[in-house]
C-alpha atoms as a PDB file:
ATOM      1  CA  MET A   1       2.148  -1.218  -1.571  1.00  0.00           C
ATOM      2  CA  VAL A   2       4.393   0.274   1.108  1.00  0.00           C
ATOM      3  CA  CYS A   3       3.750   2.111   4.372  1.00  0.00           C
ATOM      4  CA  LEU A   4       5.658   2.297   7.653  1.00  0.00           C
ATOM      5  CA  GLY A   5       4.635  -0.781   9.640  1.00  0.00           C
ATOM      6  CA  ASN A   6       2.674  -2.751   7.026  1.00  0.00           C
ATOM      7  CA  ILE A   7      -0.356  -3.110   9.286  1.00  0.00           C
ATOM      8  CA  CYS A   8      -2.673  -0.209   8.359  1.00  0.00           C
ATOM      9  CA  ARG A   9      -2.461   1.459   4.957  1.00  0.00           C
ATOM     10  CA  SER A  10      -0.469  -0.917   2.766  1.00  0.00           C
ATOM     11  CA  PRO A  11      -2.453  -4.045   3.718  1.00  0.00           C
ATOM     12  CA  LEU A  12      -5.630  -2.146   2.832  1.00  0.00           C
ATOM     13  CA  ALA A  13      -4.152  -1.049  -0.487  1.00  0.00           C
ATOM     14  CA  GLU A  14      -3.039  -4.617  -1.236  1.00  0.00           C
ATOM     15  CA  GLY A  15      -6.462  -6.039  -0.411  1.00  0.00           C
ATOM     16  CA  ILE A  16      -8.349  -3.371  -2.334  1.00  0.00           C
ATOM     17  CA  LEU A  17      -6.274  -3.749  -5.501  1.00  0.00           C
ATOM     18  CA  LYS A  18      -6.461  -7.555  -5.328  1.00  0.00           C
ATOM     19  CA  SER A  19     -10.259  -7.295  -5.073  1.00  0.00           C
ATOM     20  CA  LYS A  20     -10.342  -5.239  -8.265  1.00  0.00           C
ATOM     21  CA  LEU A  21      -8.024  -7.554 -10.229  1.00  0.00           C
ATOM     22  CA  ILE A  22      -9.314 -10.968  -9.148  1.00  0.00           C
ATOM     23  CA  THR A  23      -9.090 -12.509 -12.611  1.00  0.00           C
ATOM     24  CA  LYS A  24      -5.720 -11.028 -13.510  1.00  0.00           C
ATOM     25  CA  ASP A  25      -2.442 -12.906 -13.143  1.00  0.00           C
ATOM     26  CA  ILE A  26      -0.720 -10.095 -11.268  1.00  0.00           C
ATOM     27  CA  GLN A  27       1.376 -10.255  -8.127  1.00  0.00           C
ATOM     28  CA  ILE A  28       0.242  -7.720  -5.545  1.00  0.00           C
ATOM     29  CA  ASP A  29       1.928  -7.505  -2.155  1.00  0.00           C
ATOM     30  CA  SER A  30       2.621  -5.037   0.620  1.00  0.00           C
ATOM     31  CA  ALA A  31       5.468  -4.238   2.982  1.00  0.00           C
ATOM     32  CA  GLY A  32       6.633  -1.702   5.516  1.00  0.00           C
ATOM     33  CA  THR A  33       9.801   0.334   5.684  1.00  0.00           C
ATOM     34  CA  GLY A  34       9.997  -0.359   9.422  1.00  0.00           C
ATOM     35  CA  SER A  35      10.401  -3.713  11.124  1.00  0.00           C
ATOM     36  CA  TYR A  36       8.044  -3.000  14.026  1.00  0.00           C
ATOM     37  CA  HIS A  37       5.327  -5.512  13.162  1.00  0.00           C
ATOM     38  CA  ILE A  38       6.984  -8.265  11.104  1.00  0.00           C
ATOM     39  CA  GLY A  39       4.786 -11.372  11.059  1.00  0.00           C
ATOM     40  CA  GLU A  40       1.749  -9.645  12.545  1.00  0.00           C
ATOM     41  CA  LEU A  41      -1.760  -9.467  11.130  1.00  0.00           C
ATOM     42  CA  PRO A  42      -3.007  -6.121   9.843  1.00  0.00           C
ATOM     43  CA  ASP A  43      -4.362  -3.739  12.479  1.00  0.00           C
ATOM     44  CA  PRO A  44      -7.818  -4.887  13.657  1.00  0.00           C
ATOM     45  CA  ARG A  45      -9.284  -1.580  12.439  1.00  0.00           C
ATOM     46  CA  SER A  46      -7.887  -2.195   8.927  1.00  0.00           C
ATOM     47  CA  ILE A  47      -9.336  -5.701   9.007  1.00  0.00           C
ATOM     48  CA  ALA A  48     -12.709  -4.307  10.120  1.00  0.00           C
ATOM     49  CA  VAL A  49     -12.965  -1.591   7.456  1.00  0.00           C
ATOM     50  CA  ALA A  50     -11.868  -4.058   4.776  1.00  0.00           C
ATOM     51  CA  ASN A  51     -14.486  -6.577   5.959  1.00  0.00           C
ATOM     52  CA  LYS A  52     -17.183  -3.874   5.889  1.00  0.00           C
ATOM     53  CA  ASN A  53     -16.320  -3.464   2.219  1.00  0.00           C
ATOM     54  CA  GLY A  54     -16.287  -7.185   1.414  1.00  0.00           C
ATOM     55  CA  ILE A  55     -12.503  -7.624   1.486  1.00  0.00           C
ATOM     56  CA  ASN A  56     -10.696 -10.141   3.682  1.00  0.00           C
ATOM     57  CA  ILE A  57      -7.104  -9.166   4.528  1.00  0.00           C
ATOM     58  CA  THR A  58      -6.554 -11.643   7.373  1.00  0.00           C
ATOM     59  CA  ASN A  59      -4.275 -13.794   5.201  1.00  0.00           C
ATOM     60  CA  GLN A  60      -1.676 -11.005   5.157  1.00  0.00           C
ATOM     61  CA  ARG A  61       1.304 -10.772   7.508  1.00  0.00           C
ATOM     62  CA  ALA A  62       3.505  -7.720   7.922  1.00  0.00           C
ATOM     63  CA  ARG A  63       6.927  -7.842   6.334  1.00  0.00           C
ATOM     64  CA  LYS A  64       9.735  -5.392   5.740  1.00  0.00           C
ATOM     65  CA  PHE A  65      10.439  -3.895   2.319  1.00  0.00           C
ATOM     66  CA  VAL A  66      13.700  -5.312   0.967  1.00  0.00           C
ATOM     67  CA  VAL A  67      15.964  -4.410  -1.962  1.00  0.00           C
ATOM     68  CA  GLU A  68      14.841  -7.558  -3.820  1.00  0.00           C
ATOM     69  CA  ASP A  69      11.353  -6.038  -4.055  1.00  0.00           C
ATOM     70  CA  PHE A  70      12.735  -3.841  -6.825  1.00  0.00           C
ATOM     71  CA  ASP A  71      13.391  -7.045  -8.800  1.00  0.00           C
ATOM     72  CA  ASN A  72      10.038  -8.643  -7.986  1.00  0.00           C
ATOM     73  CA  PHE A  73       7.674  -5.739  -8.733  1.00  0.00           C
ATOM     74  CA  ASP A  74       7.178  -3.389 -11.682  1.00  0.00           C
ATOM     75  CA  ILE A  75       5.585  -0.593  -9.625  1.00  0.00           C
ATOM     76  CA  ILE A  76       6.049   0.208  -5.959  1.00  0.00           C
ATOM     77  CA  TYR A  77       3.289   2.392  -4.559  1.00  0.00           C
ATOM     78  CA  VAL A  78       4.093   4.177  -1.307  1.00  0.00           C
ATOM     79  CA  MET A  79       1.630   5.836   1.024  1.00  0.00           C
ATOM     80  CA  ASP A  80       3.509   9.006   1.979  1.00  0.00           C
ATOM     81  CA  ALA A  81       6.625  11.121   1.477  1.00  0.00           C
ATOM     82  CA  TYR A  82       8.471   9.608   4.456  1.00  0.00           C
ATOM     83  CA  ASN A  83       8.154   6.075   3.079  1.00  0.00           C
ATOM     84  CA  TYR A  84       8.826   7.293  -0.451  1.00  0.00           C
ATOM     85  CA  ASP A  85      12.192   8.615   0.722  1.00  0.00           C
ATOM     86  CA  ALA A  86      12.897   5.434   2.710  1.00  0.00           C
ATOM     87  CA  VAL A  87      12.255   3.238  -0.336  1.00  0.00           C
ATOM     88  CA  LEU A  88      14.344   5.487  -2.596  1.00  0.00           C
ATOM     89  CA  LYS A  89      17.283   5.159  -0.179  1.00  0.00           C
ATOM     90  CA  LEU A  90      17.275   1.418  -0.887  1.00  0.00           C
ATOM     91  CA  ALA A  91      17.206   1.891  -4.659  1.00  0.00           C
ATOM     92  CA  ARG A  92      20.330   0.621  -6.388  1.00  0.00           C
ATOM     93  CA  ASN A  93      19.949   2.655  -9.561  1.00  0.00           C
ATOM     94  CA  GLU A  94      17.680   4.941 -11.574  1.00  0.00           C
ATOM     95  CA  ALA A  95      15.606   1.996 -12.825  1.00  0.00           C
ATOM     96  CA  ASP A  96      14.728   1.095  -9.217  1.00  0.00           C
ATOM     97  CA  LYS A  97      13.878   4.712  -8.436  1.00  0.00           C
ATOM     98  CA  ALA A  98      11.614   4.957 -11.492  1.00  0.00           C
ATOM     99  CA  LYS A  99       9.400   2.183 -10.079  1.00  0.00           C
ATOM    100  CA  VAL A 100       8.491   4.157  -6.944  1.00  0.00           C
ATOM    101  CA  GLU A 101       5.311   6.247  -6.949  1.00  0.00           C
ATOM    102  CA  LEU A 102       3.129   7.929  -4.352  1.00  0.00           C
ATOM    103  CA  ILE A 103      -0.201   6.122  -4.559  1.00  0.00           C
ATOM    104  CA  LEU A 104      -2.372   9.252  -4.404  1.00  0.00           C
ATOM    105  CA  ASN A 105      -0.662  10.595  -7.519  1.00  0.00           C
ATOM    106  CA  ALA A 106      -2.953   8.151  -9.334  1.00  0.00           C
ATOM    107  CA  VAL A 107      -5.858  10.387  -8.278  1.00  0.00           C
ATOM    108  CA  PHE A 108      -4.062  13.737  -8.007  1.00  0.00           C
ATOM    109  CA  PRO A 109      -1.186  13.632 -10.530  1.00  0.00           C
ATOM    110  CA  ASN A 110       2.022  15.323  -9.417  1.00  0.00           C
ATOM    111  CA  GLU A 111       0.464  16.681  -6.215  1.00  0.00           C
ATOM    112  CA  ASN A 112       2.500  14.282  -4.044  1.00  0.00           C
ATOM    113  CA  LEU A 113      -0.191  13.958  -1.389  1.00  0.00           C
ATOM    114  CA  ASP A 114       0.154  11.597   1.566  1.00  0.00           C
ATOM    115  CA  VAL A 115      -2.289   8.937   2.663  1.00  0.00           C
ATOM    116  CA  PRO A 116      -2.507   9.845   6.371  1.00  0.00           C
ATOM    117  CA  ASP A 117      -1.451   7.176   8.849  1.00  0.00           C
ATOM    118  CA  PRO A 118      -4.617   6.233  10.773  1.00  0.00           C
ATOM    119  CA  TYR A 119      -2.766   4.191  13.430  1.00  0.00           C
ATOM    120  CA  SER A 120      -3.076   6.736  16.254  1.00  0.00           C
ATOM    121  CA  GLY A 121      -6.602   7.773  15.386  1.00  0.00           C
ATOM    122  CA  GLY A 122     -10.036   6.247  15.614  1.00  0.00           C
ATOM    123  CA  ASP A 123     -12.177   4.192  13.276  1.00  0.00           C
ATOM    124  CA  TYR A 124     -13.060   7.204  11.099  1.00  0.00           C
ATOM    125  CA  GLY A 125      -9.429   7.570  10.049  1.00  0.00           C
ATOM    126  CA  PHE A 126      -9.419   3.996   8.763  1.00  0.00           C
ATOM    127  CA  LYS A 127     -12.643   4.572   6.848  1.00  0.00           C
ATOM    128  CA  ASN A 128     -11.175   7.734   5.320  1.00  0.00           C
ATOM    129  CA  VAL A 129      -7.969   5.922   4.355  1.00  0.00           C
ATOM    130  CA  PHE A 130      -9.970   3.064   2.835  1.00  0.00           C
ATOM    131  CA  ASN A 131     -11.915   5.524   0.688  1.00  0.00           C
ATOM    132  CA  MET A 132      -8.723   7.268  -0.496  1.00  0.00           C
ATOM    133  CA  LEU A 133      -7.048   3.965  -1.368  1.00  0.00           C
ATOM    134  CA  ASN A 134     -10.169   2.618  -3.026  1.00  0.00           C
ATOM    135  CA  GLU A 135     -10.291   5.622  -5.350  1.00  0.00           C
ATOM    136  CA  ALA A 136      -6.589   5.303  -6.174  1.00  0.00           C
ATOM    137  CA  CYS A 137      -6.872   1.555  -6.745  1.00  0.00           C
ATOM    138  CA  ASP A 138      -9.830   2.076  -9.126  1.00  0.00           C
ATOM    139  CA  ILE A 139      -7.555   4.158 -11.323  1.00  0.00           C
ATOM    140  CA  ILE A 140      -4.580   1.807 -10.954  1.00  0.00           C
ATOM    141  CA  ALA A 141      -6.720  -1.231 -11.809  1.00  0.00           C
ATOM    142  CA  LYS A 142      -8.029   0.462 -14.964  1.00  0.00           C
ATOM    143  CA  LYS A 143      -4.433   1.121 -16.066  1.00  0.00           C
ATOM    144  CA  ILE A 144      -3.538  -2.541 -15.523  1.00  0.00           C
ATOM    145  CA  ILE A 145      -6.607  -3.965 -17.276  1.00  0.00           C
END
């Protein structure tokens, strides 16, 4: 799961998908394309909306997406077009590029919709983002199971 700073959207997506695949032996992680928040906890508003939905994401720390992530993960879900392009720029070949998907395409195939960045907004934006990611992760989890 990849967003810009790895403190709002991608930690939520990581936590949501992990909560749906508790019994599966699957590695789920998140990262950001920027290095603004490396080592930090998720945004307090992400933590709060996750907690309201029974998900604890306080064990996560922000990290930057690196080229080796292409080797470590089968699918790389990104939150928006900006981060999609940033991840593709790091791809070494077509196989790397084929792993990158916009997460909302799980819900709206080929529509290439963005999960809006709630960072500058209020609590409602985080709730809205949680709901979008929850719907996408329901579909993703069913594909994995």
